Amino acid sequence: MKTRQNVLLAFTATASVLALTACGGGGGTTEDTSFSDSPTGALSAWGFNDPDEVGQSRLDHAEEVLSDIEIKIDQTAFDAQKFTTRVASGNVPDVVQMDRQYVGTYAAQGLILPLDECFAAHGVDPDEQYYPSVMDDVTWDDNVWAVPQFYQPPAIMLNTRVMDAAGVTADQIDTSKPDVLLDAVAKMYKESGGNPSVIGFESQGVDQAGLWMLGYGGRLMDEDGVPALDDPKNAEAVNFLKQLFDAQGGYAKYKSFTDSFDTFGDANPYVADQLGAWIRQQWYVNVLTPYVDQVSIETVPFKNMEGEPFTVSTATSFVIPAGAKNADAGCAWAMNLTSQDAWMAAGEARAKTIADTPGAINTGLFTGSPAADEAIREKFVKESGNAGFDQSIATFYDIVGEGQSFGASPAGQEIQTELKNAVTSTLLGDKSAEDALADAQEAAMRAYDSAVKK
């Protein structure tokens, strides 16, 4: 799914907001909340914005199954400030789509309901339906707080034209072998007038810093959601990232160059040969399919320091706000949008779009459910005739089961914010990795302590 949301969650909740919520962190549902497999009434949903054929087919499926429910959808993008304001006023939707990295924050603040009984009412065992890493994203304090959808694993997409010109092979783009990787990057990197003109490896060092840290054996939080940004392994990852950026003009020049990329356009970096390798999520293969005759790609997995393929789980989910008027309908709608039947309908819709588009390639759907992923792959994903695209599609399917979760934390948004600040500060040379992460840990802990005391 190409739609990506930048979700900024507010950390402070007023006393009036908390008075309206079902409970503090880890509590149960409100006394009048119950879940069944046959809800009725009106449903208000928010955040399922700008659906493509994959989204619309699932909406149609849910509407058909839930014929006794009047469904109204606010398709504007999720907004954190708007959400907390609506909770404070008591005017909340029955179900909301949001990025699942931040589910733990709202759970701890008591702004959303635990959904264990929701899953049970519909006969769904979430541990069987979803990848373990996906469930870890939405589990906190022994409760499940959201219904996951999608799972877009990152891997390293190669531009083999740039690599071949530099004499670099795919086995050298190996994140478990830092010295080998640095040597390959140096061979591919080029400058013009003192500024980068070809990046050897776009590491996504700020936006994907968490991936690098987990790959180095670090962590963003412990198993209870307590921030752990000052883990020494995290500093090792950041120090290597600084080496990568310094070998390619330094962070400031590097960022200026990569910010100019026509990422989604006709002059994207693979068409324009502006890079040799790039950490990208699976959906980016879709972006490149219209340019199949103009690009030369392969994909290799990100590897941890033991040399094992490794990725992380990120995407959206559905939550039910505390105070929802029809939580039962919200639960049923979320369940039906993410059911096997809904995903197969989405696979059919995507296949029809591709069939109607000359030269299009079916890259599959990555749903968060292993059974749905495999069924869609088996029925709809066929060899395209382009070896690089077929290899890339297969690689993403190979790694999707190797994912880890960043975890769920009451300080989820603050952890992400402080992590990016710390990495940026180190890359710019303002602080050492150790000092920057220590400062980030202190700020994240303040947010954590504040959240768990409410």
Protein backbone atom coordinates (compact mmCIF):
# COMPACT_ATOMS: atom_id res chain seq x y z
CA MET A 1 0.00 0.00 0.00
CA LYS A 2 1.56 3.27 -1.07
CA THR A 3 -0.26 5.54 1.34
CA ARG A 4 2.05 6.54 4.15
CA GLN A 5 1.02 8.65 7.09
CA ASN A 6 3.25 10.80 9.27
CA VAL A 7 1.59 10.28 12.61
CA LEU A 8 2.57 12.66 15.41
CA LEU A 9 0.97 11.66 18.68
CA ALA A 10 0.46 14.04 21.58
CA PHE A 11 1.85 12.81 24.88
CA THR A 12 0.00 14.94 27.34
CA ALA A 13 -3.62 14.21 28.14
CA THR A 14 -5.59 16.59 30.33
CA ALA A 15 -7.39 15.46 33.44
CA SER A 16 -10.67 15.91 31.63
CA VAL A 17 -9.53 13.55 28.89
CA LEU A 18 -8.48 10.89 31.38
CA ALA A 19 -11.72 11.22 33.29
CA LEU A 20 -13.56 10.17 30.15
CA THR A 21 -11.37 7.16 29.43
CA ALA A 22 -12.12 3.61 30.40
CA CYS A 23 -9.11 3.16 32.60
CA GLY A 24 -5.47 3.92 33.18
CA GLY A 25 -2.73 1.89 31.57
CA GLY A 26 -3.48 -1.82 31.37
CA GLY A 27 -7.09 -1.62 32.50
CA GLY A 28 -10.15 -3.31 31.08
CA THR A 29 -13.06 -2.19 28.97
CA THR A 30 -15.79 0.11 30.19
CA GLU A 31 -18.64 -1.56 32.05
CA ASP A 32 -21.07 -1.16 29.15
CA THR A 33 -18.65 -2.37 26.47
CA SER A 34 -19.21 -5.85 25.12
CA PHE A 35 -18.32 -7.54 21.86
CA SER A 36 -20.39 -9.94 19.79
CA ASP A 37 -20.33 -11.54 16.36
CA SER A 38 -23.59 -9.85 15.27
CA PRO A 39 -23.46 -6.10 15.99
CA THR A 40 -26.09 -3.64 14.84
CA GLY A 41 -26.61 0.13 14.77
CA ALA A 42 -24.52 2.96 13.39
CA LEU A 43 -20.74 2.93 13.02
CA SER A 44 -18.46 5.94 12.84
CA ALA A 45 -14.96 5.24 11.50
CA TRP A 46 -12.03 7.60 10.99
CA GLY A 47 -8.66 7.50 9.29
CA PHE A 48 -9.22 5.05 6.44
CA ASN A 49 -8.27 7.76 3.99
CA ASP A 50 -7.84 7.74 0.22
CA PRO A 51 -8.40 4.00 -0.34
CA ASP A 52 -7.02 2.46 -3.52
CA GLU A 53 -8.53 -0.69 -5.04
CA VAL A 54 -7.03 -2.77 -2.22
CA GLY A 55 -8.71 -0.60 0.40
CA GLN A 56 -11.99 -0.12 -1.44
CA SER A 57 -12.49 -3.83 -2.07
CA ARG A 58 -12.10 -4.48 1.65
CA LEU A 59 -14.50 -1.67 2.51
CA ASP A 60 -17.02 -3.19 0.13
CA HIS A 61 -16.53 -6.62 1.67
CA ALA A 62 -17.06 -5.34 5.21
CA GLU A 63 -20.16 -3.40 4.18
CA GLU A 64 -21.66 -6.49 2.57
CA VAL A 65 -20.98 -8.70 5.61
CA LEU A 66 -22.14 -6.07 8.12
CA SER A 67 -25.43 -5.32 6.39
CA ASP A 68 -27.14 -4.50 9.69
CA ILE A 69 -24.71 -1.68 10.40
CA GLU A 70 -24.94 1.82 9.00
CA ILE A 71 -21.30 2.71 8.26
CA LYS A 72 -20.07 6.29 8.07
CA ILE A 73 -16.39 6.93 7.36
CA ASP A 74 -14.43 10.12 7.89
CA GLN A 75 -11.69 9.58 5.29
CA THR A 76 -9.47 12.43 6.45
CA ALA A 77 -6.04 11.41 7.68
CA PHE A 78 -5.54 10.64 11.35
CA ASP A 79 -4.50 13.63 13.44
CA ALA A 80 -3.31 13.20 17.03
CA GLN A 81 -4.40 16.60 18.31
CA LYS A 82 -7.82 16.16 16.76
CA PHE A 83 -8.10 12.73 18.35
CA THR A 84 -7.33 13.90 21.90
CA THR A 85 -9.65 16.86 21.45
CA ARG A 86 -12.46 14.55 20.38
CA VAL A 87 -11.85 12.28 23.36
CA ALA A 88 -11.99 15.29 25.68
CA SER A 89 -15.31 16.37 24.18
CA GLY A 90 -16.78 12.87 24.28
CA ASN A 91 -17.30 12.94 20.52
CA VAL A 92 -15.15 10.01 19.45
CA PRO A 93 -15.50 7.68 16.47
CA ASP A 94 -16.08 3.99 17.07
CA VAL A 95 -12.90 2.88 15.30
CA VAL A 96 -9.75 4.71 14.19
CA GLN A 97 -6.87 3.79 11.88
CA MET A 98 -3.42 4.79 13.17
CA ASP A 99 0.21 3.74 12.90
CA ARG A 100 0.70 0.81 15.23
CA GLN A 101 4.10 1.97 16.50
CA TYR A 102 2.19 4.35 18.75
CA VAL A 103 -0.59 2.08 19.99
CA GLY A 104 1.20 1.54 23.31
CA THR A 105 1.18 5.26 24.02
CA TYR A 106 -2.58 5.57 23.74
CA ALA A 107 -3.10 2.31 25.61
CA ALA A 108 -1.10 3.61 28.57
CA GLN A 109 -3.05 6.86 28.55
CA GLY A 110 -6.33 4.96 28.63
CA LEU A 111 -7.48 6.53 25.38
CA ILE A 112 -8.16 3.22 23.60
CA LEU A 113 -9.74 -0.06 24.64
CA PRO A 114 -8.07 -3.47 24.95
CA LEU A 115 -9.36 -5.78 22.23
CA ASP A 116 -8.77 -9.29 23.58
CA GLU A 117 -12.53 -9.79 23.97
CA CYS A 118 -13.09 -8.36 20.49
CA PHE A 119 -10.86 -11.02 18.94
CA ALA A 120 -12.49 -13.74 21.03
CA ALA A 121 -16.01 -12.69 20.03
CA HIS A 122 -15.10 -13.23 16.38
CA GLY A 123 -13.30 -16.50 16.95
CA VAL A 124 -9.92 -15.06 15.99
CA ASP A 125 -6.72 -16.13 17.73
CA PRO A 126 -4.42 -13.17 16.96
CA ASP A 127 -1.32 -15.23 17.71
CA GLU A 128 -2.32 -17.61 14.92
CA GLN A 129 -3.59 -15.01 12.45
CA TYR A 130 -0.67 -12.56 12.52
CA TYR A 131 3.11 -12.66 12.37
CA PRO A 132 4.60 -12.63 15.89
CA SER A 133 6.37 -9.31 15.25
CA VAL A 134 3.08 -7.75 14.17
CA MET A 135 1.41 -8.84 17.40
CA ASP A 136 4.32 -7.50 19.43
CA ASP A 137 3.61 -4.09 17.88
CA VAL A 138 0.13 -3.94 19.43
CA THR A 139 0.58 -5.87 22.68
CA TRP A 140 1.26 -4.03 25.90
CA ASP A 141 0.68 -4.85 29.56
CA ASP A 142 -0.63 -8.33 28.64
CA ASN A 143 -3.42 -6.98 26.44
CA VAL A 144 -3.88 -6.61 22.68
CA TRP A 145 -4.86 -3.04 21.82
CA ALA A 146 -5.30 -2.95 18.05
CA VAL A 147 -6.26 -4.95 14.97
CA PRO A 148 -3.20 -4.88 12.68
CA GLN A 149 -3.29 -4.36 8.94
CA PHE A 150 -0.39 -4.58 6.52
CA TYR A 151 3.27 -5.28 7.18
CA GLN A 152 5.81 -3.60 4.94
CA PRO A 153 9.23 -5.17 5.57
CA PRO A 154 12.31 -3.14 4.61
CA ALA A 155 15.15 -4.69 2.62
CA ILE A 156 17.98 -3.36 0.45
CA MET A 157 17.01 -2.66 -3.16
CA LEU A 158 20.03 -2.67 -5.47
CA ASN A 159 20.68 -0.68 -8.63
CA THR A 160 22.78 -3.23 -10.48
CA ARG A 161 23.80 -0.80 -13.24
CA VAL A 162 25.59 1.42 -10.74
CA MET A 163 27.04 -1.60 -8.96
CA ASP A 164 28.34 -3.19 -12.15
CA ALA A 165 29.97 0.06 -13.24
CA ALA A 166 31.82 0.21 -9.92
CA GLY A 167 32.74 -3.47 -9.86
CA VAL A 168 30.52 -4.18 -6.83
CA THR A 169 28.59 -7.42 -6.39
CA ALA A 170 25.41 -8.12 -4.45
CA ASP A 171 27.20 -10.17 -1.80
CA GLN A 172 29.20 -7.07 -0.83
CA ILE A 173 26.04 -5.20 0.17
CA ASP A 174 26.07 -7.03 3.46
CA THR A 175 25.14 -5.14 6.63
CA SER A 176 26.66 -7.90 8.77
CA LYS A 177 30.11 -7.11 7.32
CA PRO A 178 30.70 -3.39 7.95
CA ASP A 179 34.17 -3.20 6.39
CA VAL A 180 33.05 -4.99 3.22
CA LEU A 181 30.02 -2.71 2.95
CA LEU A 182 32.06 0.45 3.47
CA ASP A 183 34.48 -0.60 0.75
CA ALA A 184 31.61 -1.25 -1.68
CA VAL A 185 30.01 2.10 -0.86
CA ALA A 186 33.27 3.95 -1.49
CA LYS A 187 33.57 2.33 -4.91
CA MET A 188 30.06 3.42 -5.94
CA TYR A 189 30.08 6.93 -4.48
CA LYS A 190 30.74 9.84 -6.84
CA GLU A 191 31.02 13.59 -6.43
CA SER A 192 30.55 16.56 -8.72
CA GLY A 193 31.78 19.98 -7.65
CA GLY A 194 32.36 18.72 -4.13
CA ASN A 195 28.79 17.44 -3.75
CA PRO A 196 27.40 13.91 -4.08
CA SER A 197 26.25 12.89 -7.54
CA VAL A 198 25.89 9.15 -6.91
CA ILE A 199 25.20 7.71 -3.46
CA GLY A 200 26.65 4.26 -2.87
CA PHE A 201 24.14 3.26 -0.19
CA GLU A 202 21.12 5.21 1.02
CA SER A 203 21.04 3.69 4.49
CA GLN A 204 17.94 5.54 5.73
CA GLY A 205 20.12 6.15 8.75
CA VAL A 206 17.70 8.51 10.48
CA ASP A 207 14.29 7.15 9.49
CA GLN A 208 15.44 3.53 9.80
CA ALA A 209 17.79 3.99 12.74
CA GLY A 210 15.75 1.50 14.74
CA LEU A 211 16.32 -1.18 12.11
CA TRP A 212 20.07 -0.66 12.34
CA MET A 213 20.00 -0.74 16.14
CA LEU A 214 18.05 -3.97 16.34
CA GLY A 215 20.33 -5.41 13.68
CA TYR A 216 23.32 -4.59 15.86
CA GLY A 217 21.71 -6.36 18.81
CA GLY A 218 20.40 -3.18 20.41
CA ARG A 219 16.86 -2.21 21.37
CA LEU A 220 14.64 0.83 21.64
CA MET A 221 12.84 -0.39 24.75
CA ASP A 222 12.76 -3.39 27.06
CA GLU A 223 10.03 -6.04 27.14
CA ASP A 224 7.90 -3.82 29.38
CA GLY A 225 8.13 -0.80 27.10
CA VAL A 226 10.69 1.06 29.23
CA PRO A 227 12.98 3.16 26.95
CA ALA A 228 16.43 1.69 26.34
CA LEU A 229 17.95 4.14 23.88
CA ASP A 230 21.25 4.19 25.78
CA ASP A 231 21.89 0.50 25.11
CA PRO A 232 25.60 0.30 24.10
CA LYS A 233 24.71 -1.70 20.99
CA ASN A 234 22.64 1.25 19.78
CA ALA A 235 25.71 3.47 19.91
CA GLU A 236 27.63 0.91 17.85
CA ALA A 237 24.96 1.12 15.16
CA VAL A 238 24.96 4.92 15.14
CA ASN A 239 28.74 5.08 14.99
CA PHE A 240 28.71 2.86 11.92
CA LEU A 241 26.00 4.98 10.32
CA LYS A 242 28.20 8.03 10.80
CA GLN A 243 31.01 6.22 8.98
CA LEU A 244 28.62 5.49 6.12
CA PHE A 245 27.50 9.10 5.83
CA ASP A 246 31.02 10.51 6.19
CA ALA A 247 32.20 8.22 3.38
CA GLN A 248 29.58 9.81 1.12
CA GLY A 249 30.10 13.53 1.57
CA GLY A 250 28.88 13.91 5.14
CA TYR A 251 25.31 14.03 6.38
CA ALA A 252 24.46 17.61 5.39
CA LYS A 253 25.51 17.25 1.74
CA TYR A 254 24.16 13.71 1.58
CA LYS A 255 20.73 14.78 2.83
CA SER A 256 20.59 17.76 0.49
CA PHE A 257 21.27 15.41 -2.43
CA THR A 258 18.82 12.68 -1.41
CA ASP A 259 16.09 15.24 -0.62
CA SER A 260 16.24 16.19 -4.30
CA PHE A 261 15.37 12.67 -5.46
CA ASP A 262 12.30 12.31 -7.66
CA THR A 263 11.37 9.31 -5.54
CA PHE A 264 8.00 8.58 -7.14
CA GLY A 265 8.53 10.12 -10.56
CA ASP A 266 9.94 9.44 -13.98
CA ALA A 267 13.43 10.49 -12.85
CA ASN A 268 13.50 8.34 -9.74
CA PRO A 269 16.96 7.35 -8.44
CA TYR A 270 16.91 3.95 -10.15
CA VAL A 271 16.07 5.44 -13.54
CA ALA A 272 18.57 8.29 -13.02
CA ASP A 273 21.27 6.03 -11.54
CA GLN A 274 21.69 8.28 -8.51
CA LEU A 275 22.41 5.45 -6.10
CA GLY A 276 23.71 1.92 -5.86
CA ALA A 277 21.56 0.59 -3.02
CA TRP A 278 18.68 1.85 -0.88
CA ILE A 279 16.86 0.49 2.15
CA ARG A 280 13.22 0.49 1.06
CA GLN A 281 9.99 -1.08 2.21
CA GLN A 282 8.25 -3.61 -0.01
CA TRP A 283 5.79 -1.13 -1.49
CA TYR A 284 8.59 0.62 -3.37
CA VAL A 285 8.78 -2.27 -5.82
CA ASN A 286 5.31 -1.13 -6.93
CA VAL A 287 6.66 2.37 -7.54
CA LEU A 288 9.28 1.02 -9.93
CA THR A 289 7.06 -1.33 -11.93
CA PRO A 290 6.09 1.33 -14.53
CA TYR A 291 9.82 1.73 -15.23
CA VAL A 292 10.63 -1.95 -15.61
CA ASP A 293 12.39 -1.35 -18.94
CA GLN A 294 14.40 1.59 -17.56
CA VAL A 295 15.78 0.16 -14.32
CA SER A 296 17.95 -2.76 -13.32
CA ILE A 297 17.21 -3.97 -9.80
CA GLU A 298 17.78 -6.81 -7.38
CA THR A 299 17.11 -6.99 -3.65
CA VAL A 300 19.09 -8.41 -0.74
CA PRO A 301 17.97 -8.69 2.86
CA PHE A 302 19.22 -6.49 5.65
CA LYS A 303 21.25 -8.79 7.92
CA ASN A 304 21.95 -8.71 11.63
CA MET A 305 25.48 -8.99 12.94
CA GLU A 306 25.25 -12.79 12.92
CA GLY A 307 24.64 -12.68 9.17
CA GLU A 308 20.98 -13.68 9.44
CA PRO A 309 18.27 -12.02 7.30
CA PHE A 310 16.44 -9.51 9.42
CA THR A 311 13.67 -6.96 9.05
CA VAL A 312 11.23 -4.99 11.19
CA SER A 313 7.47 -4.79 11.37
CA THR A 314 5.73 -1.46 10.73
CA ALA A 315 2.34 -0.41 9.34
CA THR A 316 -1.13 0.67 10.45
CA SER A 317 -3.81 -0.76 12.71
CA PHE A 318 -7.36 -0.18 13.91
CA VAL A 319 -8.08 0.89 17.49
CA ILE A 320 -11.30 1.52 19.37
CA PRO A 321 -11.30 4.75 21.39
CA ALA A 322 -12.41 4.74 24.99
CA GLY A 323 -15.92 6.15 25.04
CA ALA A 324 -16.86 4.76 21.62
CA LYS A 325 -20.65 4.62 21.28
CA ASN A 326 -20.64 1.41 19.26
CA ALA A 327 -17.43 -0.41 20.07
CA ASP A 328 -19.07 -3.69 19.08
CA ALA A 329 -19.58 -2.48 15.51
CA GLY A 330 -16.10 -0.97 15.44
CA CYS A 331 -14.63 -4.32 16.42
CA ALA A 332 -16.63 -6.20 13.77
CA TRP A 333 -15.69 -3.72 11.06
CA ALA A 334 -11.97 -3.97 11.85
CA MET A 335 -12.18 -7.76 11.95
CA ASN A 336 -13.93 -7.96 8.61
CA LEU A 337 -11.54 -5.51 6.94
CA THR A 338 -8.63 -7.75 7.93
CA SER A 339 -10.23 -11.17 7.43
CA GLN A 340 -8.93 -13.77 4.97
CA ASP A 341 -11.96 -13.15 2.74
CA ALA A 342 -11.31 -9.40 2.71
CA TRP A 343 -7.66 -9.87 1.78
CA MET A 344 -8.54 -12.28 -1.02
CA ALA A 345 -11.04 -9.73 -2.34
CA ALA A 346 -8.21 -7.19 -2.24
CA GLY A 347 -5.97 -9.60 -4.11
CA GLU A 348 -8.63 -10.00 -6.80
CA ALA A 349 -9.02 -6.23 -7.10
CA ARG A 350 -5.28 -5.67 -7.40
CA ALA A 351 -4.99 -8.46 -9.98
CA LYS A 352 -7.73 -6.85 -12.09
CA THR A 353 -5.98 -3.48 -11.97
CA ILE A 354 -2.73 -5.09 -13.06
CA ALA A 355 -4.44 -7.04 -15.85
CA ASP A 356 -5.89 -3.78 -17.14
CA THR A 357 -2.49 -2.04 -17.05
CA PRO A 358 -0.10 -3.05 -19.85
CA GLY A 359 3.27 -4.11 -18.52
CA ALA A 360 2.22 -3.99 -14.86
CA ILE A 361 3.69 -6.51 -12.41
CA ASN A 362 1.87 -8.06 -9.45
CA THR A 363 4.20 -7.69 -6.48
CA GLY A 364 1.76 -9.25 -4.02
CA LEU A 365 0.20 -7.90 -0.84
CA PHE A 366 1.81 -7.94 2.59
CA THR A 367 -1.09 -8.02 5.00
CA GLY A 368 0.31 -8.88 8.43
CA SER A 369 -1.27 -12.35 8.15
CA PRO A 370 0.96 -15.24 6.97
CA ALA A 371 -2.02 -17.22 5.66
CA ALA A 372 -3.35 -14.29 3.63
CA ASP A 373 0.10 -13.43 2.29
CA GLU A 374 0.73 -16.97 1.10
CA ALA A 375 -2.74 -17.38 -0.43
CA ILE A 376 -2.43 -14.13 -2.38
CA ARG A 377 1.07 -15.00 -3.52
CA GLU A 378 0.03 -18.46 -4.68
CA LYS A 379 -3.02 -17.25 -6.60
CA PHE A 380 -1.95 -13.92 -8.04
CA VAL A 381 1.85 -13.46 -8.05
CA LYS A 382 3.31 -14.92 -11.23
CA GLU A 383 6.72 -14.56 -12.85
CA SER A 384 6.93 -11.29 -14.72
CA GLY A 385 9.67 -12.19 -17.14
CA ASN A 386 12.00 -9.64 -15.56
CA ALA A 387 14.52 -11.53 -13.45
CA GLY A 388 15.40 -8.57 -11.23
CA PHE A 389 11.81 -7.78 -10.30
CA ASP A 390 10.97 -11.45 -9.76
CA GLN A 391 14.01 -11.85 -7.52
CA SER A 392 13.10 -8.70 -5.57
CA ILE A 393 9.50 -9.82 -5.03
CA ALA A 394 10.70 -13.23 -3.85
CA THR A 395 13.21 -11.65 -1.45
CA PHE A 396 10.55 -9.60 0.29
CA TYR A 397 8.41 -12.70 0.68
CA ASP A 398 11.43 -14.55 2.06
CA ILE A 399 12.12 -12.00 4.78
CA VAL A 400 8.60 -11.14 5.90
CA GLY A 401 8.67 -13.94 8.47
CA GLU A 402 12.02 -12.75 9.85
CA GLY A 403 10.68 -9.54 11.33
CA GLN A 404 11.13 -8.12 14.78
CA SER A 405 9.03 -5.52 16.54
CA PHE A 406 10.35 -2.34 18.08
CA GLY A 407 7.91 -3.10 20.88
CA ALA A 408 5.03 -1.19 22.41
CA SER A 409 5.63 1.53 24.98
CA PRO A 410 3.76 4.29 26.81
CA ALA A 411 6.54 6.52 25.51
CA GLY A 412 6.39 5.21 21.95
CA GLN A 413 6.23 8.54 20.15
CA GLU A 414 8.83 10.18 22.38
CA ILE A 415 11.21 7.27 21.81
CA GLN A 416 10.91 7.70 18.06
CA THR A 417 11.28 11.47 18.23
CA GLU A 418 14.29 11.40 20.54
CA LEU A 419 15.91 8.62 18.54
CA LYS A 420 15.80 10.67 15.34
CA ASN A 421 17.09 13.75 17.17
CA ALA A 422 19.99 11.79 18.66
CA VAL A 423 21.02 10.17 15.38
CA THR A 424 20.81 13.47 13.50
CA SER A 425 22.92 15.19 16.15
CA THR A 426 25.59 12.50 15.86
CA LEU A 427 25.61 12.50 12.07
CA LEU A 428 26.08 16.27 12.06
CA GLY A 429 28.99 15.93 14.50
CA ASP A 430 27.30 17.88 17.29
CA LYS A 431 27.48 15.05 19.84
CA SER A 432 29.02 11.63 20.17
CA ALA A 433 26.61 8.74 19.69
CA GLU A 434 26.93 7.85 23.36
CA ASP A 435 26.14 11.36 24.59
CA ALA A 436 23.31 11.89 22.12
CA LEU A 437 21.64 8.60 23.05
CA ALA A 438 22.08 9.28 26.76
CA ASP A 439 20.27 12.60 26.33
CA ALA A 440 17.58 10.88 24.27
CA GLN A 441 17.15 8.23 26.95
CA GLU A 442 16.70 10.88 29.63
CA ALA A 443 13.99 12.66 27.62
CA ALA A 444 12.23 9.40 26.74
CA MET A 445 12.24 8.31 30.38
CA ARG A 446 10.59 11.57 31.42
CA ALA A 447 7.82 10.86 28.95
CA TYR A 448 7.55 7.25 30.11
CA ASP A 449 7.39 8.17 33.80
CA SER A 450 4.76 10.80 33.08
CA ALA A 451 2.64 8.37 31.05
CA VAL A 452 2.68 5.46 33.52
CA LYS A 453 1.83 7.71 36.49
CA LYS A 454 -1.38 8.97 34.87
